[in-house]
Structure formats: C-alpha cells, structure tokens
C-alpha cells in the first residue's frame, strides 16, 4: 500500500512552493492520474513513493507550473537520478510523453 505524504511535515512554503495550494495539489494529482499512477522512467513501473517532476523548471517557467504537459511522474529513485541535471532530460521526457500520446491515438483509430 502506498504511503500517503503527510503534508504537515512541510512548512506552508517549502522550496518556494506551497504544497498545500489547491492548484498545486490538483496538478500533482492530474499528472499521476495521466501517468497511470506509476513511474514513467522506461522499464520502471514503481507505484510507490511517487513524485511529480516539472519538465521545464518551476523557477524558470512560472506560467507552466500547473500545465499538465509540463509534469511527469517519477519514483523517488529516478527523481534523485535527474536532480541537478534537469536540463539534460527535458527533451527525453517530452519525447517520452509524446510517444505515449501517439500510441494512445493509434489505439483509438
């Protein structure tokens, strides 16, 4: 059973983000739902300790903070792997999500 994150552990603002903000909560929920509740890293289908990663940085693109296509679900392990190398993975994540969208469209046709 997946462990629920206790938002009381975080101050109202943590890392410049308000984790209690309704828009941010909805964004994270919608990204995880779109991604089937599992890590999107190729070959990983971990369903525990999931985190939503902003493909284009939260700090650099404030107008994209809550846009569904700017988020991807990663397990804690893979999120740590990309930390401090986020720019390197932008195209990788965009292609990954784009390829999955194409596959879903093909299924409908």
C-alpha atoms as a PDB file:
ATOM      1  CA  UNK A   1       0.000   0.000   0.000  1.00  0.00           C
ATOM      2  CA  UNK A   2       1.394   3.364  -0.991  1.00  0.00           C
ATOM      3  CA  UNK A   3       2.297   5.661   1.833  1.00  0.00           C
ATOM      4  CA  UNK A   4       0.471   8.992   1.838  1.00  0.00           C
ATOM      5  CA  UNK A   5       2.715  12.030   2.132  1.00  0.00           C
ATOM      6  CA  UNK A   6       1.983  13.852   5.346  1.00  0.00           C
ATOM      7  CA  UNK A   7       1.824  17.469   4.229  1.00  0.00           C
ATOM      8  CA  UNK A   8       2.139  18.559   7.851  1.00  0.00           C
ATOM      9  CA  UNK A   9       5.827  17.597   7.600  1.00  0.00           C
ATOM     10  CA  UNK A  10       6.372  20.528   5.285  1.00  0.00           C
ATOM     11  CA  UNK A  11       6.090  24.155   6.218  1.00  0.00           C
ATOM     12  CA  UNK A  12       3.364  26.007   4.336  1.00  0.00           C
ATOM     13  CA  UNK A  13       6.056  27.103   1.889  1.00  0.00           C
ATOM     14  CA  UNK A  14       8.858  24.670   1.167  1.00  0.00           C
ATOM     15  CA  UNK A  15      11.462  25.322  -1.529  1.00  0.00           C
ATOM     16  CA  UNK A  16       9.408  28.317  -2.630  1.00  0.00           C
ATOM     17  CA  UNK A  17       6.365  26.097  -3.225  1.00  0.00           C
ATOM     18  CA  UNK A  18       3.150  25.969  -1.297  1.00  0.00           C
ATOM     19  CA  UNK A  19       2.417  22.234  -1.176  1.00  0.00           C
ATOM     20  CA  UNK A  20      -0.972  22.972   0.390  1.00  0.00           C
ATOM     21  CA  UNK A  21      -2.069  25.156  -2.549  1.00  0.00           C
ATOM     22  CA  UNK A  22      -5.172  23.698  -4.221  1.00  0.00           C
ATOM     23  CA  UNK A  23      -3.865  24.322  -7.760  1.00  0.00           C
ATOM     24  CA  UNK A  24      -0.552  22.591  -6.993  1.00  0.00           C
ATOM     25  CA  UNK A  25      -2.323  19.642  -5.363  1.00  0.00           C
ATOM     26  CA  UNK A  26      -4.635  19.298  -8.368  1.00  0.00           C
ATOM     27  CA  UNK A  27      -1.687  19.498 -10.783  1.00  0.00           C
ATOM     28  CA  UNK A  28       0.171  16.694  -8.991  1.00  0.00           C
ATOM     29  CA  UNK A  29      -2.966  14.558  -8.811  1.00  0.00           C
ATOM     30  CA  UNK A  30      -3.733  15.007 -12.526  1.00  0.00           C
ATOM     31  CA  UNK A  31      -0.159  14.195 -13.621  1.00  0.00           C
ATOM     32  CA  UNK A  32      -0.133  10.989 -11.552  1.00  0.00           C
ATOM     33  CA  UNK A  33      -3.562  10.038 -12.905  1.00  0.00           C
ATOM     34  CA  UNK A  34      -2.484  10.641 -16.521  1.00  0.00           C
ATOM     35  CA  UNK A  35       0.650   8.567 -15.931  1.00  0.00           C
ATOM     36  CA  UNK A  36      -1.339   5.643 -14.552  1.00  0.00           C
ATOM     37  CA  UNK A  37      -0.072   6.070 -11.008  1.00  0.00           C
ATOM     38  CA  UNK A  38       3.396   4.750 -11.779  1.00  0.00           C
ATOM     39  CA  UNK A  39       6.880   5.976 -12.591  1.00  0.00           C
ATOM     40  CA  UNK A  40       7.266   6.841 -16.283  1.00  0.00           C
ATOM     41  CA  UNK A  41      11.005   6.076 -16.432  1.00  0.00           C
ATOM     42  CA  UNK A  42      11.438   3.420 -19.150  1.00  0.00           C
ATOM     43  CA  UNK A  43      11.347  -0.046 -17.615  1.00  0.00           C
ATOM     44  CA  UNK A  44      10.221   1.203 -14.207  1.00  0.00           C
ATOM     45  CA  UNK A  45       6.617   0.816 -13.142  1.00  0.00           C
ATOM     46  CA  UNK A  46       7.153   1.629  -9.479  1.00  0.00           C
ATOM     47  CA  UNK A  47       3.887   2.718  -7.860  1.00  0.00           C
ATOM     48  CA  UNK A  48       5.393   3.754  -4.516  1.00  0.00           C
ATOM     49  CA  UNK A  49       6.968   6.985  -3.317  1.00  0.00           C
ATOM     50  CA  UNK A  50       5.933   8.842  -6.477  1.00  0.00           C
ATOM     51  CA  UNK A  51       6.894  12.434  -7.126  1.00  0.00           C
ATOM     52  CA  UNK A  52       5.752  14.802  -9.850  1.00  0.00           C
ATOM     53  CA  UNK A  53       8.629  16.423 -11.709  1.00  0.00           C
ATOM     54  CA  UNK A  54       8.306  19.676 -13.643  1.00  0.00           C
ATOM     55  CA  UNK A  55       9.902  19.063 -17.045  1.00  0.00           C
ATOM     56  CA  UNK A  56      10.601  22.759 -17.520  1.00  0.00           C
ATOM     57  CA  UNK A  57      11.792  24.131 -14.176  1.00  0.00           C
ATOM     58  CA  UNK A  58       9.327  25.536 -11.656  1.00  0.00           C
ATOM     59  CA  UNK A  59      11.607  28.525 -11.026  1.00  0.00           C
ATOM     60  CA  UNK A  60      12.289  29.354 -14.685  1.00  0.00           C
ATOM     61  CA  UNK A  61       8.781  28.880 -16.129  1.00  0.00           C
ATOM     62  CA  UNK A  62       6.184  30.164 -13.638  1.00  0.00           C
ATOM     63  CA  UNK A  63       3.489  30.262 -16.343  1.00  0.00           C
ATOM     64  CA  UNK A  64       3.895  26.475 -16.874  1.00  0.00           C
ATOM     65  CA  UNK A  65       3.784  25.430 -13.223  1.00  0.00           C
ATOM     66  CA  UNK A  66       0.341  23.858 -13.380  1.00  0.00           C
ATOM     67  CA  UNK A  67       0.224  22.809 -17.048  1.00  0.00           C
ATOM     68  CA  UNK A  68      -0.339  19.041 -17.280  1.00  0.00           C
ATOM     69  CA  UNK A  69       2.074  18.541 -20.179  1.00  0.00           C
ATOM     70  CA  UNK A  70       4.895  20.055 -18.092  1.00  0.00           C
ATOM     71  CA  UNK A  71       4.710  17.314 -15.473  1.00  0.00           C
ATOM     72  CA  UNK A  72       5.846  13.705 -15.359  1.00  0.00           C
ATOM     73  CA  UNK A  73       5.548  11.109 -12.608  1.00  0.00           C
ATOM     74  CA  UNK A  74       8.815   9.663 -11.315  1.00  0.00           C
ATOM     75  CA  UNK A  75       9.571   7.408  -8.386  1.00  0.00           C
ATOM     76  CA  UNK A  76      11.826   8.865  -5.728  1.00  0.00           C
ATOM     77  CA  UNK A  77      14.823   6.881  -7.065  1.00  0.00           C
ATOM     78  CA  UNK A  78      14.568   8.235 -10.620  1.00  0.00           C
ATOM     79  CA  UNK A  79      13.751  11.738  -9.450  1.00  0.00           C
ATOM     80  CA  UNK A  80      17.022  11.724  -7.463  1.00  0.00           C
ATOM     81  CA  UNK A  81      18.944  10.499 -10.526  1.00  0.00           C
ATOM     82  CA  UNK A  82      17.942  13.524 -12.600  1.00  0.00           C
ATOM     83  CA  UNK A  83      18.395  16.087  -9.826  1.00  0.00           C
ATOM     84  CA  UNK A  84      20.848  18.827 -10.863  1.00  0.00           C
ATOM     85  CA  UNK A  85      20.744  17.544 -14.464  1.00  0.00           C
ATOM     86  CA  UNK A  86      17.166  18.537 -15.242  1.00  0.00           C
ATOM     87  CA  UNK A  87      18.033  20.444 -18.433  1.00  0.00           C
ATOM     88  CA  UNK A  88      19.616  17.316 -19.888  1.00  0.00           C
ATOM     89  CA  UNK A  89      16.337  15.373 -19.515  1.00  0.00           C
ATOM     90  CA  UNK A  90      13.866  17.937 -20.931  1.00  0.00           C
ATOM     91  CA  UNK A  91      13.787  16.519 -24.457  1.00  0.00           C
ATOM     92  CA  UNK A  92      13.852  12.933 -23.152  1.00  0.00           C
ATOM     93  CA  UNK A  93      10.724  13.461 -21.032  1.00  0.00           C
ATOM     94  CA  UNK A  94       8.917  15.436 -23.727  1.00  0.00           C
ATOM     95  CA  UNK A  95       9.593  12.667 -26.258  1.00  0.00           C
ATOM     96  CA  UNK A  96       8.554  10.001 -23.771  1.00  0.00           C
ATOM     97  CA  UNK A  97       5.203  11.662 -23.137  1.00  0.00           C
ATOM     98  CA  UNK A  98       4.729  12.439 -26.839  1.00  0.00           C
ATOM     99  CA  UNK A  99       5.345   8.834 -27.868  1.00  0.00           C
ATOM    100  CA  UNK A 100       2.829   7.604 -25.307  1.00  0.00           C
ATOM    101  CA  UNK A 101       0.252  10.056 -26.625  1.00  0.00           C
ATOM    102  CA  UNK A 102       0.829   8.790 -30.175  1.00  0.00           C
ATOM    103  CA  UNK A 103       0.325   5.196 -29.007  1.00  0.00           C
ATOM    104  CA  UNK A 104      -2.979   6.133 -27.337  1.00  0.00           C
ATOM    105  CA  UNK A 105      -4.152   7.877 -30.524  1.00  0.00           C
ATOM    106  CA  UNK A 106      -3.250   4.805 -32.614  1.00  0.00           C
ATOM    107  CA  UNK A 107      -5.328   2.617 -30.273  1.00  0.00           C
ATOM    108  CA  UNK A 108      -8.359   4.833 -30.890  1.00  0.00           C
ATOM    109  CA  UNK A 109      -8.058   4.741 -34.694  1.00  0.00           C
END
